[in-house]
Amino acid sequence: MFHLIGYIVVGLVAGVIAKWVMHVPLTVFWTIVLGIIGSLLGGALTHVVARPSNRRYYPAGLIFSTLGAILVLYICFKLNIHFPRI
């Protein structure tokens, strides 16, 4: 249960940083979703580059979560996908 809360908190922080960098107004829900998607994307990219010693999945951490969220926002803008406005 505490892992889920940790994922939500890291997703919120990563989403807030990403929307601040990209100047996107989002609700709290979409900010958390953006951060969690960014964390999954950042974690997948880090696993491609450097495999972990054991086979368990580890979250990307705040830096790669934020970079993944920024990448998601950039792709959404290039594909002209709009988020719900506040």
PDB file of N, CA and C in Angstrom:
ATOM      1  N   MET A   1       0.815  -1.184   0.000  1.00  0.00           N
ATOM      2  CA  MET A   1       0.000   0.000   0.000  1.00  0.00           C
ATOM      3  C   MET A   1       0.865   1.257   0.000  1.00  0.00           C
ATOM      4  N   PHE A   2       1.970   1.228   0.752  1.00  0.00           N
ATOM      5  CA  PHE A   2       2.829   2.402   0.811  1.00  0.00           C
ATOM      6  C   PHE A   2       3.580   2.615  -0.493  1.00  0.00           C
ATOM      7  N   HIS A   3       3.805   1.550  -1.269  1.00  0.00           N
ATOM      8  CA  HIS A   3       4.446   1.711  -2.578  1.00  0.00           C
ATOM      9  C   HIS A   3       3.554   2.523  -3.502  1.00  0.00           C
ATOM     10  N   LEU A   4       2.266   2.263  -3.443  1.00  0.00           N
ATOM     11  CA  LEU A   4       1.314   2.989  -4.281  1.00  0.00           C
ATOM     12  C   LEU A   4       1.303   4.470  -3.921  1.00  0.00           C
ATOM     13  N   ILE A   5       1.325   4.776  -2.638  1.00  0.00           N
ATOM     14  CA  ILE A   5       1.375   6.168  -2.201  1.00  0.00           C
ATOM     15  C   ILE A   5       2.684   6.819  -2.655  1.00  0.00           C
ATOM     16  N   GLY A   6       3.775   6.071  -2.587  1.00  0.00           N
ATOM     17  CA  GLY A   6       5.063   6.589  -3.057  1.00  0.00           C
ATOM     18  C   GLY A   6       5.049   6.885  -4.542  1.00  0.00           C
ATOM     19  N   TYR A   7       4.433   5.992  -5.338  1.00  0.00           N
ATOM     20  CA  TYR A   7       4.333   6.223  -6.778  1.00  0.00           C
ATOM     21  C   TYR A   7       3.507   7.467  -7.074  1.00  0.00           C
ATOM     22  N   ILE A   8       2.434   7.667  -6.314  1.00  0.00           N
ATOM     23  CA  ILE A   8       1.590   8.837  -6.530  1.00  0.00           C
ATOM     24  C   ILE A   8       2.341  10.113  -6.170  1.00  0.00           C
ATOM     25  N   VAL A   9       3.086  10.096  -5.071  1.00  0.00           N
ATOM     26  CA  VAL A   9       3.832  11.290  -4.664  1.00  0.00           C
ATOM     27  C   VAL A   9       4.937  11.610  -5.671  1.00  0.00           C
ATOM     28  N   VAL A  10       5.698  10.591  -6.101  1.00  0.00           N
ATOM     29  CA  VAL A  10       6.749  10.818  -7.105  1.00  0.00           C
ATOM     30  C   VAL A  10       6.123  11.270  -8.415  1.00  0.00           C
ATOM     31  N   GLY A  11       4.981  10.689  -8.794  1.00  0.00           N
ATOM     32  CA  GLY A  11       4.284  11.114 -10.000  1.00  0.00           C
ATOM     33  C   GLY A  11       3.817  12.553  -9.918  1.00  0.00           C
ATOM     34  N   LEU A  12       3.328  12.956  -8.744  1.00  0.00           N
ATOM     35  CA  LEU A  12       2.887  14.334  -8.567  1.00  0.00           C
ATOM     36  C   LEU A  12       4.057  15.307  -8.679  1.00  0.00           C
ATOM     37  N   VAL A  13       5.157  14.999  -8.022  1.00  0.00           N
ATOM     38  CA  VAL A  13       6.320  15.892  -8.072  1.00  0.00           C
ATOM     39  C   VAL A  13       6.889  15.957  -9.490  1.00  0.00           C
ATOM     40  N   ALA A  14       7.028  14.811 -10.143  1.00  0.00           N
ATOM     41  CA  ALA A  14       7.546  14.792 -11.516  1.00  0.00           C
ATOM     42  C   ALA A  14       6.609  15.518 -12.466  1.00  0.00           C
ATOM     43  N   GLY A  15       5.305  15.334 -12.301  1.00  0.00           N
ATOM     44  CA  GLY A  15       4.337  16.020 -13.144  1.00  0.00           C
ATOM     45  C   GLY A  15       4.343  17.523 -12.935  1.00  0.00           C
ATOM     46  N   VAL A  16       4.498  17.956 -11.682  1.00  0.00           N
ATOM     47  CA  VAL A  16       4.545  19.395 -11.393  1.00  0.00           C
ATOM     48  C   VAL A  16       5.775  20.024 -12.035  1.00  0.00           C
ATOM     49  N   ILE A  17       6.916  19.356 -11.919  1.00  0.00           N
ATOM     50  CA  ILE A  17       8.140  19.890 -12.529  1.00  0.00           C
ATOM     51  C   ILE A  17       8.006  19.917 -14.052  1.00  0.00           C
ATOM     52  N   ALA A  18       7.457  18.848 -14.636  1.00  0.00           N
ATOM     53  CA  ALA A  18       7.311  18.794 -16.098  1.00  0.00           C
ATOM     54  C   ALA A  18       6.345  19.853 -16.605  1.00  0.00           C
ATOM     55  N   LYS A  19       5.222  20.040 -15.923  1.00  0.00           N
ATOM     56  CA  LYS A  19       4.274  21.057 -16.412  1.00  0.00           C
ATOM     57  C   LYS A  19       4.800  22.462 -16.170  1.00  0.00           C
ATOM     58  N   TRP A  20       5.661  22.647 -15.174  1.00  0.00           N
ATOM     59  CA  TRP A  20       6.297  23.943 -14.951  1.00  0.00           C
ATOM     60  C   TRP A  20       7.312  24.236 -16.056  1.00  0.00           C
ATOM     61  N   VAL A  21       8.070  23.209 -16.467  1.00  0.00           N
ATOM     62  CA  VAL A  21       9.064  23.394 -17.527  1.00  0.00           C
ATOM     63  C   VAL A  21       8.385  23.657 -18.871  1.00  0.00           C
ATOM     64  N   MET A  22       7.306  22.922 -19.156  1.00  0.00           N
ATOM     65  CA  MET A  22       6.636  23.028 -20.454  1.00  0.00           C
ATOM     66  C   MET A  22       5.516  24.076 -20.457  1.00  0.00           C
ATOM     67  N   HIS A  23       5.234  24.728 -19.347  1.00  0.00           N
ATOM     68  CA  HIS A  23       4.205  25.767 -19.228  1.00  0.00           C
ATOM     69  C   HIS A  23       2.833  25.261 -19.674  1.00  0.00           C
ATOM     70  N   VAL A  24       2.392  24.171 -19.024  1.00  0.00           N
ATOM     71  CA  VAL A  24       1.109  23.560 -19.352  1.00  0.00           C
ATOM     72  C   VAL A  24       0.207  23.616 -18.126  1.00  0.00           C
ATOM     73  N   PRO A  25      -0.994  24.191 -18.249  1.00  0.00           N
ATOM     74  CA  PRO A  25      -1.925  24.177 -17.105  1.00  0.00           C
ATOM     75  C   PRO A  25      -2.677  22.844 -17.056  1.00  0.00           C
ATOM     76  N   LEU A  26      -2.479  22.084 -15.978  1.00  0.00           N
ATOM     77  CA  LEU A  26      -3.143  20.793 -15.805  1.00  0.00           C
ATOM     78  C   LEU A  26      -3.764  20.720 -14.419  1.00  0.00           C
ATOM     79  N   THR A  27      -4.794  19.886 -14.297  1.00  0.00           N
ATOM     80  CA  THR A  27      -5.376  19.633 -12.982  1.00  0.00           C
ATOM     81  C   THR A  27      -4.444  18.705 -12.202  1.00  0.00           C
ATOM     82  N   VAL A  28      -4.719  18.547 -10.919  1.00  0.00           N
ATOM     83  CA  VAL A  28      -3.886  17.694 -10.072  1.00  0.00           C
ATOM     84  C   VAL A  28      -3.955  16.244 -10.546  1.00  0.00           C
ATOM     85  N   PHE A  29      -5.137  15.776 -10.930  1.00  0.00           N
ATOM     86  CA  PHE A  29      -5.285  14.407 -11.409  1.00  0.00           C
ATOM     87  C   PHE A  29      -4.413  14.156 -12.636  1.00  0.00           C
ATOM     88  N   TRP A  30      -4.489  15.040 -13.635  1.00  0.00           N
ATOM     89  CA  TRP A  30      -3.709  14.839 -14.852  1.00  0.00           C
ATOM     90  C   TRP A  30      -2.219  15.043 -14.613  1.00  0.00           C
ATOM     91  N   THR A  31      -1.869  15.839 -13.614  1.00  0.00           N
ATOM     92  CA  THR A  31      -0.466  16.005 -13.255  1.00  0.00           C
ATOM     93  C   THR A  31       0.089  14.708 -12.688  1.00  0.00           C
ATOM     94  N   ILE A  32      -0.679  14.045 -11.825  1.00  0.00           N
ATOM     95  CA  ILE A  32      -0.251  12.762 -11.273  1.00  0.00           C
ATOM     96  C   ILE A  32      -0.169  11.711 -12.365  1.00  0.00           C
ATOM     97  N   VAL A  33      -1.164  11.666 -13.245  1.00  0.00           N
ATOM     98  CA  VAL A  33      -1.145  10.697 -14.349  1.00  0.00           C
ATOM     99  C   VAL A  33       0.059  10.940 -15.248  1.00  0.00           C
ATOM    100  N   LEU A  34       0.336  12.185 -15.552  1.00  0.00           N
ATOM    101  CA  LEU A  34       1.496  12.534 -16.374  1.00  0.00           C
ATOM    102  C   LEU A  34       2.790  12.072 -15.714  1.00  0.00           C
ATOM    103  N   GLY A  35       2.917  12.304 -14.413  1.00  0.00           N
ATOM    104  CA  GLY A  35       4.121  11.893 -13.701  1.00  0.00           C
ATOM    105  C   GLY A  35       4.288  10.385 -13.646  1.00  0.00           C
ATOM    106  N   ILE A  36       3.204   9.637 -13.464  1.00  0.00           N
ATOM    107  CA  ILE A  36       3.286   8.180 -13.420  1.00  0.00           C
ATOM    108  C   ILE A  36       3.635   7.629 -14.792  1.00  0.00           C
ATOM    109  N   ILE A  37       3.045   8.167 -15.842  1.00  0.00           N
ATOM    110  CA  ILE A  37       3.400   7.740 -17.206  1.00  0.00           C
ATOM    111  C   ILE A  37       4.853   8.084 -17.493  1.00  0.00           C
ATOM    112  N   GLY A  38       5.286   9.254 -17.061  1.00  0.00           N
ATOM    113  CA  GLY A  38       6.690   9.632 -17.222  1.00  0.00           C
ATOM    114  C   GLY A  38       7.615   8.704 -16.462  1.00  0.00           C
ATOM    115  N   SER A  39       7.200   8.257 -15.286  1.00  0.00           N
ATOM    116  CA  SER A  39       7.999   7.321 -14.504  1.00  0.00           C
ATOM    117  C   SER A  39       8.109   5.977 -15.204  1.00  0.00           C
ATOM    118  N   LEU A  40       7.004   5.510 -15.762  1.00  0.00           N
ATOM    119  CA  LEU A  40       7.049   4.245 -16.499  1.00  0.00           C
ATOM    120  C   LEU A  40       7.938   4.355 -17.730  1.00  0.00           C
ATOM    121  N   LEU A  41       7.820   5.458 -18.451  1.00  0.00           N
ATOM    122  CA  LEU A  41       8.642   5.669 -19.634  1.00  0.00           C
ATOM    123  C   LEU A  41      10.113   5.816 -19.269  1.00  0.00           C
ATOM    124  N   GLY A  42      10.393   6.601 -18.242  1.00  0.00           N
ATOM    125  CA  GLY A  42      11.770   6.770 -17.790  1.00  0.00           C
ATOM    126  C   GLY A  42      12.368   5.470 -17.276  1.00  0.00           C
ATOM    127  N   GLY A  43      11.572   4.676 -16.563  1.00  0.00           N
ATOM    128  CA  GLY A  43      12.034   3.374 -16.083  1.00  0.00           C
ATOM    129  C   GLY A  43      12.315   2.411 -17.217  1.00  0.00           C
ATOM    130  N   ALA A  44      11.455   2.435 -18.247  1.00  0.00           N
ATOM    131  CA  ALA A  44      11.681   1.561 -19.402  1.00  0.00           C
ATOM    132  C   ALA A  44      12.957   1.954 -20.142  1.00  0.00           C
ATOM    133  N   LEU A  45      13.177   3.248 -20.295  1.00  0.00           N
ATOM    134  CA  LEU A  45      14.387   3.699 -20.992  1.00  0.00           C
ATOM    135  C   LEU A  45      15.653   3.373 -20.207  1.00  0.00           C
ATOM    136  N   THR A  46      15.608   3.485 -18.880  1.00  0.00           N
ATOM    137  CA  THR A  46      16.790   3.147 -18.093  1.00  0.00           C
ATOM    138  C   THR A  46      17.054   1.657 -18.089  1.00  0.00           C
ATOM    139  N   HIS A  47      16.009   0.832 -18.182  1.00  0.00           N
ATOM    140  CA  HIS A  47      16.213  -0.614 -18.233  1.00  0.00           C
ATOM    141  C   HIS A  47      16.773  -1.058 -19.577  1.00  0.00           C
ATOM    142  N   VAL A  48      16.503  -0.307 -20.631  1.00  0.00           N
ATOM    143  CA  VAL A  48      17.080  -0.627 -21.934  1.00  0.00           C
ATOM    144  C   VAL A  48      18.582  -0.352 -21.922  1.00  0.00           C
ATOM    145  N   VAL A  49      18.970   0.745 -21.291  1.00  0.00           N
ATOM    146  CA  VAL A  49      20.374   1.141 -21.263  1.00  0.00           C
ATOM    147  C   VAL A  49      21.166   0.303 -20.269  1.00  0.00           C
ATOM    148  N   ALA A  50      20.677   0.165 -19.053  1.00  0.00           N
ATOM    149  CA  ALA A  50      21.410  -0.555 -18.006  1.00  0.00           C
ATOM    150  C   ALA A  50      20.457  -1.516 -17.305  1.00  0.00           C
ATOM    151  N   ARG A  51      20.657  -2.793 -17.506  1.00  0.00           N
ATOM    152  CA  ARG A  51      19.807  -3.800 -16.867  1.00  0.00           C
ATOM    153  C   ARG A  51      20.128  -3.888 -15.374  1.00  0.00           C
ATOM    154  N   PRO A  52      19.089  -4.030 -14.523  1.00  0.00           N
ATOM    155  CA  PRO A  52      19.353  -4.197 -13.099  1.00  0.00           C
ATOM    156  C   PRO A  52      19.920  -5.582 -12.812  1.00  0.00           C
ATOM    157  N   SER A  53      20.593  -5.723 -11.681  1.00  0.00           N
ATOM    158  CA  SER A  53      21.226  -6.998 -11.351  1.00  0.00           C
ATOM    159  C   SER A  53      20.202  -8.087 -11.071  1.00  0.00           C
ATOM    160  N   ASN A  54      19.075  -7.748 -10.449  1.00  0.00           N
ATOM    161  CA  ASN A  54      18.012  -8.732 -10.275  1.00  0.00           C
ATOM    162  C   ASN A  54      16.877  -8.416 -11.240  1.00  0.00           C
ATOM    163  N   ARG A  55      15.881  -9.248 -11.307  1.00  0.00           N
ATOM    164  CA  ARG A  55      14.836  -9.138 -12.328  1.00  0.00           C
ATOM    165  C   ARG A  55      13.620  -8.313 -11.893  1.00  0.00           C
ATOM    166  N   ARG A  56      13.670  -7.652 -10.763  1.00  0.00           N
ATOM    167  CA  ARG A  56      12.543  -6.854 -10.301  1.00  0.00           C
ATOM    168  C   ARG A  56      12.528  -5.497 -10.983  1.00  0.00           C
ATOM    169  N   TYR A  57      11.352  -4.927 -11.117  1.00  0.00           N
ATOM    170  CA  TYR A  57      11.192  -3.605 -11.711  1.00  0.00           C
ATOM    171  C   TYR A  57      11.363  -2.551 -10.627  1.00  0.00           C
ATOM    172  N   TYR A  58      12.194  -1.577 -10.883  1.00  0.00           N
ATOM    173  CA  TYR A  58      12.373  -0.453  -9.975  1.00  0.00           C
ATOM    174  C   TYR A  58      11.915   0.818 -10.669  1.00  0.00           C
ATOM    175  N   PRO A  59      11.263   1.707  -9.934  1.00  0.00           N
ATOM    176  CA  PRO A  59      10.855   2.969 -10.560  1.00  0.00           C
ATOM    177  C   PRO A  59      12.070   3.775 -10.988  1.00  0.00           C
ATOM    178  N   ALA A  60      11.867   4.639 -11.931  1.00  0.00           N
ATOM    179  CA  ALA A  60      12.979   5.389 -12.526  1.00  0.00           C
ATOM    180  C   ALA A  60      13.588   6.399 -11.575  1.00  0.00           C
ATOM    181  N   GLY A  61      12.874   6.814 -10.603  1.00  0.00           N
ATOM    182  CA  GLY A  61      13.353   7.869  -9.731  1.00  0.00           C
ATOM    183  C   GLY A  61      12.844   9.202 -10.224  1.00  0.00           C
ATOM    184  N   LEU A  62      13.078  10.218  -9.441  1.00  0.00           N
ATOM    185  CA  LEU A  62      12.508  11.525  -9.737  1.00  0.00           C
ATOM    186  C   LEU A  62      13.086  12.150 -10.996  1.00  0.00           C
ATOM    187  N   ILE A  63      14.369  11.987 -11.242  1.00  0.00           N
ATOM    188  CA  ILE A  63      14.995  12.620 -12.409  1.00  0.00           C
ATOM    189  C   ILE A  63      14.470  12.021 -13.704  1.00  0.00           C
ATOM    190  N   PHE A  64      14.489  10.694 -13.820  1.00  0.00           N
ATOM    191  CA  PHE A  64      14.020  10.076 -15.052  1.00  0.00           C
ATOM    192  C   PHE A  64      12.502  10.121 -15.180  1.00  0.00           C
ATOM    193  N   SER A  65      11.797  10.179 -14.058  1.00  0.00           N
ATOM    194  CA  SER A  65      10.346  10.379 -14.117  1.00  0.00           C
ATOM    195  C   SER A  65      10.019  11.741 -14.702  1.00  0.00           C
ATOM    196  N   THR A  66      10.754  12.764 -14.273  1.00  0.00           N
ATOM    197  CA  THR A  66      10.538  14.107 -14.795  1.00  0.00           C
ATOM    198  C   THR A  66      10.902  14.191 -16.270  1.00  0.00           C
ATOM    199  N   LEU A  67      12.029  13.607 -16.643  1.00  0.00           N
ATOM    200  CA  LEU A  67      12.419  13.606 -18.060  1.00  0.00           C
ATOM    201  C   LEU A  67      11.416  12.841 -18.913  1.00  0.00           C
ATOM    202  N   GLY A  68      10.897  11.738 -18.395  1.00  0.00           N
ATOM    203  CA  GLY A  68       9.872  10.996 -19.118  1.00  0.00           C
ATOM    204  C   GLY A  68       8.588  11.785 -19.259  1.00  0.00           C
ATOM    205  N   ALA A  69       8.197  12.515 -18.216  1.00  0.00           N
ATOM    206  CA  ALA A  69       6.984  13.336 -18.280  1.00  0.00           C
ATOM    207  C   ALA A  69       7.152  14.488 -19.267  1.00  0.00           C
ATOM    208  N   ILE A  70       8.333  15.089 -19.294  1.00  0.00           N
ATOM    209  CA  ILE A  70       8.603  16.147 -20.277  1.00  0.00           C
ATOM    210  C   ILE A  70       8.540  15.579 -21.687  1.00  0.00           C
ATOM    211  N   LEU A  71       9.078  14.383 -21.878  1.00  0.00           N
ATOM    212  CA  LEU A  71       9.016  13.737 -23.191  1.00  0.00           C
ATOM    213  C   LEU A  71       7.575  13.445 -23.593  1.00  0.00           C
ATOM    214  N   VAL A  72       6.756  13.009 -22.650  1.00  0.00           N
ATOM    215  CA  VAL A  72       5.340  12.754 -22.946  1.00  0.00           C
ATOM    216  C   VAL A  72       4.640  14.051 -23.351  1.00  0.00           C
ATOM    217  N   LEU A  73       4.889  15.140 -22.629  1.00  0.00           N
ATOM    218  CA  LEU A  73       4.285  16.424 -22.998  1.00  0.00           C
ATOM    219  C   LEU A  73       4.757  16.904 -24.363  1.00  0.00           C
ATOM    220  N   TYR A  74       6.032  16.728 -24.646  1.00  0.00           N
ATOM    221  CA  TYR A  74       6.576  17.135 -25.943  1.00  0.00           C
ATOM    222  C   TYR A  74       5.925  16.338 -27.083  1.00  0.00           C
ATOM    223  N   ILE A  75       5.785  15.034 -26.893  1.00  0.00           N
ATOM    224  CA  ILE A  75       5.143  14.199 -27.919  1.00  0.00           C
ATOM    225  C   ILE A  75       3.677  14.591 -28.087  1.00  0.00           C
ATOM    226  N   CYS A  76       2.991  14.885 -26.986  1.00  0.00           N
ATOM    227  CA  CYS A  76       1.595  15.307 -27.081  1.00  0.00           C
ATOM    228  C   CYS A  76       1.456  16.608 -27.858  1.00  0.00           C
ATOM    229  N   PHE A  77       2.377  17.537 -27.642  1.00  0.00           N
ATOM    230  CA  PHE A  77       2.314  18.790 -28.387  1.00  0.00           C
ATOM    231  C   PHE A  77       2.618  18.584 -29.860  1.00  0.00           C
ATOM    232  N   LYS A  78       3.567  17.727 -30.171  1.00  0.00           N
ATOM    233  CA  LYS A  78       3.894  17.470 -31.574  1.00  0.00           C
ATOM    234  C   LYS A  78       2.762  16.751 -32.301  1.00  0.00           C
ATOM    235  N   LEU A  79       2.015  15.898 -31.582  1.00  0.00           N
ATOM    236  CA  LEU A  79       0.885  15.194 -32.183  1.00  0.00           C
ATOM    237  C   LEU A  79      -0.423  15.956 -32.045  1.00  0.00           C
ATOM    238  N   ASN A  80      -0.357  17.173 -31.473  1.00  0.00           N
ATOM    239  CA  ASN A  80      -1.511  18.043 -31.291  1.00  0.00           C
ATOM    240  C   ASN A  80      -2.591  17.396 -30.415  1.00  0.00           C
ATOM    241  N   ILE A  81      -2.159  16.737 -29.338  1.00  0.00           N
ATOM    242  CA  ILE A  81      -3.069  16.149 -28.366  1.00  0.00           C
ATOM    243  C   ILE A  81      -3.239  17.154 -27.233  1.00  0.00           C
ATOM    244  N   HIS A  82      -4.478  17.473 -26.887  1.00  0.00           N
ATOM    245  CA  HIS A  82      -4.751  18.467 -25.867  1.00  0.00           C
ATOM    246  C   HIS A  82      -5.258  17.801 -24.594  1.00  0.00           C
ATOM    247  N   PHE A  83      -4.790  18.283 -23.454  1.00  0.00           N
ATOM    248  CA  PHE A  83      -5.286  17.841 -22.163  1.00  0.00           C
ATOM    249  C   PHE A  83      -6.475  18.693 -21.783  1.00  0.00           C
ATOM    250  N   PRO A  84      -7.343  18.173 -20.887  1.00  0.00           N
ATOM    251  CA  PRO A  84      -8.458  19.010 -20.419  1.00  0.00           C
ATOM    252  C   PRO A  84      -7.940  20.257 -19.713  1.00  0.00           C
ATOM    253  N   ARG A  85      -8.506  21.400 -20.004  1.00  0.00           N
ATOM    254  CA  ARG A  85      -8.096  22.670 -19.410  1.00  0.00           C
ATOM    255  C   ARG A  85      -8.657  22.815 -18.001  1.00  0.00           C
ATOM    256  N   ILE A  86      -8.010  23.661 -17.230  1.00  0.00           N
ATOM    257  CA  ILE A  86      -8.456  23.908 -15.854  1.00  0.00           C
ATOM    258  C   ILE A  86      -9.695  24.771 -15.896  1.00  0.00           C
TER     259      ILE A  86
END
